[in-house]
Amino acid sequence: DRHKIGREAFIERVWQWVQQYKSRIQNQHRRLGVSCDWSRERFTLDEGLSKAVREVFVRLYEEGLIYRGERIINWCPSCMSA
C-alpha cells in the first residue's frame, strides 16, 4: 500500500520499476511501430518534467478541468490506483 510506505519509499519503488521495465516497454513500442524521436523520450518523474506536471495539474484543477466525481474508472483494488 503506497500510503503505508510513505512518499519517498513509494517514489523509490517507482524508480526501481522503471529501471527494470523501461527497456522492455521501449522495445514493445518499437515492435508496434511507434514512430518518435527516442532521444526526447521522458518519464513523468524525470527532473524538470515532474515540476511541470505538478504545475499543469494544479492549473487544470483550479480551472475546474480536474475534479472528483461519480464516474466509472478502471480501478485496481490491489494497487489501489487508477
C-alpha atoms as a PDB file:
ATOM      1  CA  ASP A   1       0.000   0.000   0.000  1.00  0.00           C
ATOM      2  CA  ARG A   2       1.600   3.243  -1.176  1.00  0.00           C
ATOM      3  CA  HIS A   3       0.095   5.171   1.740  1.00  0.00           C
ATOM      4  CA  LYS A   4       1.653   2.902   4.362  1.00  0.00           C
ATOM      5  CA  ILE A   5       5.196   3.050   2.950  1.00  0.00           C
ATOM      6  CA  GLY A   6       5.237   6.835   2.527  1.00  0.00           C
ATOM      7  CA  ARG A   7       6.000   9.073  -0.436  1.00  0.00           C
ATOM      8  CA  GLU A   8       9.791   8.682  -0.508  1.00  0.00           C
ATOM      9  CA  ALA A   9       9.700   4.874  -0.360  1.00  0.00           C
ATOM     10  CA  PHE A  10       6.939   4.815  -2.971  1.00  0.00           C
ATOM     11  CA  ILE A  11       8.953   7.034  -5.338  1.00  0.00           C
ATOM     12  CA  GLU A  12      11.999   4.806  -4.815  1.00  0.00           C
ATOM     13  CA  ARG A  13       9.936   1.747  -5.772  1.00  0.00           C
ATOM     14  CA  VAL A  14       8.650   3.546  -8.855  1.00  0.00           C
ATOM     15  CA  TRP A  15      12.222   4.252  -9.982  1.00  0.00           C
ATOM     16  CA  GLN A  16      13.182   0.618  -9.358  1.00  0.00           C
ATOM     17  CA  TRP A  17      10.248  -0.460 -11.518  1.00  0.00           C
ATOM     18  CA  VAL A  18      11.277   1.989 -14.251  1.00  0.00           C
ATOM     19  CA  GLN A  19      14.836   0.642 -14.267  1.00  0.00           C
ATOM     20  CA  GLN A  20      13.519  -2.909 -14.501  1.00  0.00           C
ATOM     21  CA  TYR A  21      10.909  -2.421 -17.236  1.00  0.00           C
ATOM     22  CA  LYS A  22      11.819   0.709 -19.235  1.00  0.00           C
ATOM     23  CA  SER A  23      13.788  -1.055 -21.972  1.00  0.00           C
ATOM     24  CA  ARG A  24      11.119  -3.764 -22.290  1.00  0.00           C
ATOM     25  CA  ILE A  25       8.409  -1.142 -22.792  1.00  0.00           C
ATOM     26  CA  GLN A  26      10.578   0.767 -25.293  1.00  0.00           C
ATOM     27  CA  ASN A  27      11.145  -2.437 -27.279  1.00  0.00           C
ATOM     28  CA  GLN A  28       7.415  -3.173 -27.268  1.00  0.00           C
ATOM     29  CA  HIS A  29       6.708   0.318 -28.624  1.00  0.00           C
ATOM     30  CA  ARG A  30       9.309  -0.112 -31.358  1.00  0.00           C
ATOM     31  CA  ARG A  31       7.868  -3.508 -32.369  1.00  0.00           C
ATOM     32  CA  LEU A  32       4.417  -1.922 -32.541  1.00  0.00           C
ATOM     33  CA  GLY A  33       5.839   0.628 -34.971  1.00  0.00           C
ATOM     34  CA  VAL A  34       5.700   3.663 -32.692  1.00  0.00           C
ATOM     35  CA  SER A  35       7.459   6.481 -34.514  1.00  0.00           C
ATOM     36  CA  CYS A  36       9.007   9.208 -32.404  1.00  0.00           C
ATOM     37  CA  ASP A  37      12.283  10.912 -31.544  1.00  0.00           C
ATOM     38  CA  TRP A  38      13.510   8.404 -28.937  1.00  0.00           C
ATOM     39  CA  SER A  39      16.226  10.836 -27.787  1.00  0.00           C
ATOM     40  CA  ARG A  40      13.454  13.083 -26.427  1.00  0.00           C
ATOM     41  CA  GLU A  41      11.624  10.364 -24.506  1.00  0.00           C
ATOM     42  CA  ARG A  42      10.710  11.369 -20.951  1.00  0.00           C
ATOM     43  CA  PHE A  43       9.293   9.716 -17.856  1.00  0.00           C
ATOM     44  CA  THR A  44       6.749  11.552 -15.716  1.00  0.00           C
ATOM     45  CA  LEU A  45       9.091  11.709 -12.704  1.00  0.00           C
ATOM     46  CA  ASP A  46      12.167  12.915 -14.639  1.00  0.00           C
ATOM     47  CA  GLU A  47      13.683  16.047 -13.099  1.00  0.00           C
ATOM     48  CA  GLY A  48      12.109  19.191 -14.501  1.00  0.00           C
ATOM     49  CA  LEU A  49       9.245  17.315 -16.092  1.00  0.00           C
ATOM     50  CA  SER A  50       7.831  16.351 -12.699  1.00  0.00           C
ATOM     51  CA  LYS A  51       7.621  20.019 -11.690  1.00  0.00           C
ATOM     52  CA  ALA A  52       5.922  20.902 -14.973  1.00  0.00           C
ATOM     53  CA  VAL A  53       3.398  18.085 -14.489  1.00  0.00           C
ATOM     54  CA  ARG A  54       2.525  19.356 -10.989  1.00  0.00           C
ATOM     55  CA  GLU A  55       2.138  22.939 -12.214  1.00  0.00           C
ATOM     56  CA  VAL A  56      -0.165  21.921 -15.064  1.00  0.00           C
ATOM     57  CA  PHE A  57      -2.186  19.637 -12.768  1.00  0.00           C
ATOM     58  CA  VAL A  58      -2.751  22.487 -10.287  1.00  0.00           C
ATOM     59  CA  ARG A  59      -3.697  24.895 -13.082  1.00  0.00           C
ATOM     60  CA  LEU A  60      -6.177  22.428 -14.601  1.00  0.00           C
ATOM     61  CA  TYR A  61      -7.636  21.763 -11.136  1.00  0.00           C
ATOM     62  CA  GLU A  62      -8.041  25.493 -10.489  1.00  0.00           C
ATOM     63  CA  GLU A  63      -9.790  25.833 -13.870  1.00  0.00           C
ATOM     64  CA  GLY A  64     -12.219  23.086 -12.866  1.00  0.00           C
ATOM     65  CA  LEU A  65     -10.967  20.673 -15.524  1.00  0.00           C
ATOM     66  CA  ILE A  66      -9.760  18.125 -12.944  1.00  0.00           C
ATOM     67  CA  TYR A  67     -12.245  17.185 -10.263  1.00  0.00           C
ATOM     68  CA  ARG A  68     -13.611  14.342  -8.186  1.00  0.00           C
ATOM     69  CA  GLY A  69     -16.884  12.973  -9.378  1.00  0.00           C
ATOM     70  CA  GLU A  70     -19.073   9.911  -9.644  1.00  0.00           C
ATOM     71  CA  ARG A  71     -17.701   8.197 -12.752  1.00  0.00           C
ATOM     72  CA  ILE A  72     -16.759   4.703 -13.843  1.00  0.00           C
ATOM     73  CA  ILE A  73     -12.978   4.293 -13.766  1.00  0.00           C
ATOM     74  CA  ASN A  74     -10.539   1.424 -14.221  1.00  0.00           C
ATOM     75  CA  TRP A  75      -9.595   0.901 -10.565  1.00  0.00           C
ATOM     76  CA  CYS A  76      -7.108  -1.728  -9.382  1.00  0.00           C
ATOM     77  CA  PRO A  77      -8.138  -2.861  -5.887  1.00  0.00           C
ATOM     78  CA  SER A  78      -4.730  -4.464  -5.406  1.00  0.00           C
ATOM     79  CA  CYS A  79      -2.641  -1.398  -6.344  1.00  0.00           C
ATOM     80  CA  MET A  80      -5.360   0.996  -5.180  1.00  0.00           C
ATOM     81  CA  SER A  81      -4.708   3.042  -8.295  1.00  0.00           C
ATOM     82  CA  ALA A  82      -6.493   4.006 -11.491  1.00  0.00           C
END
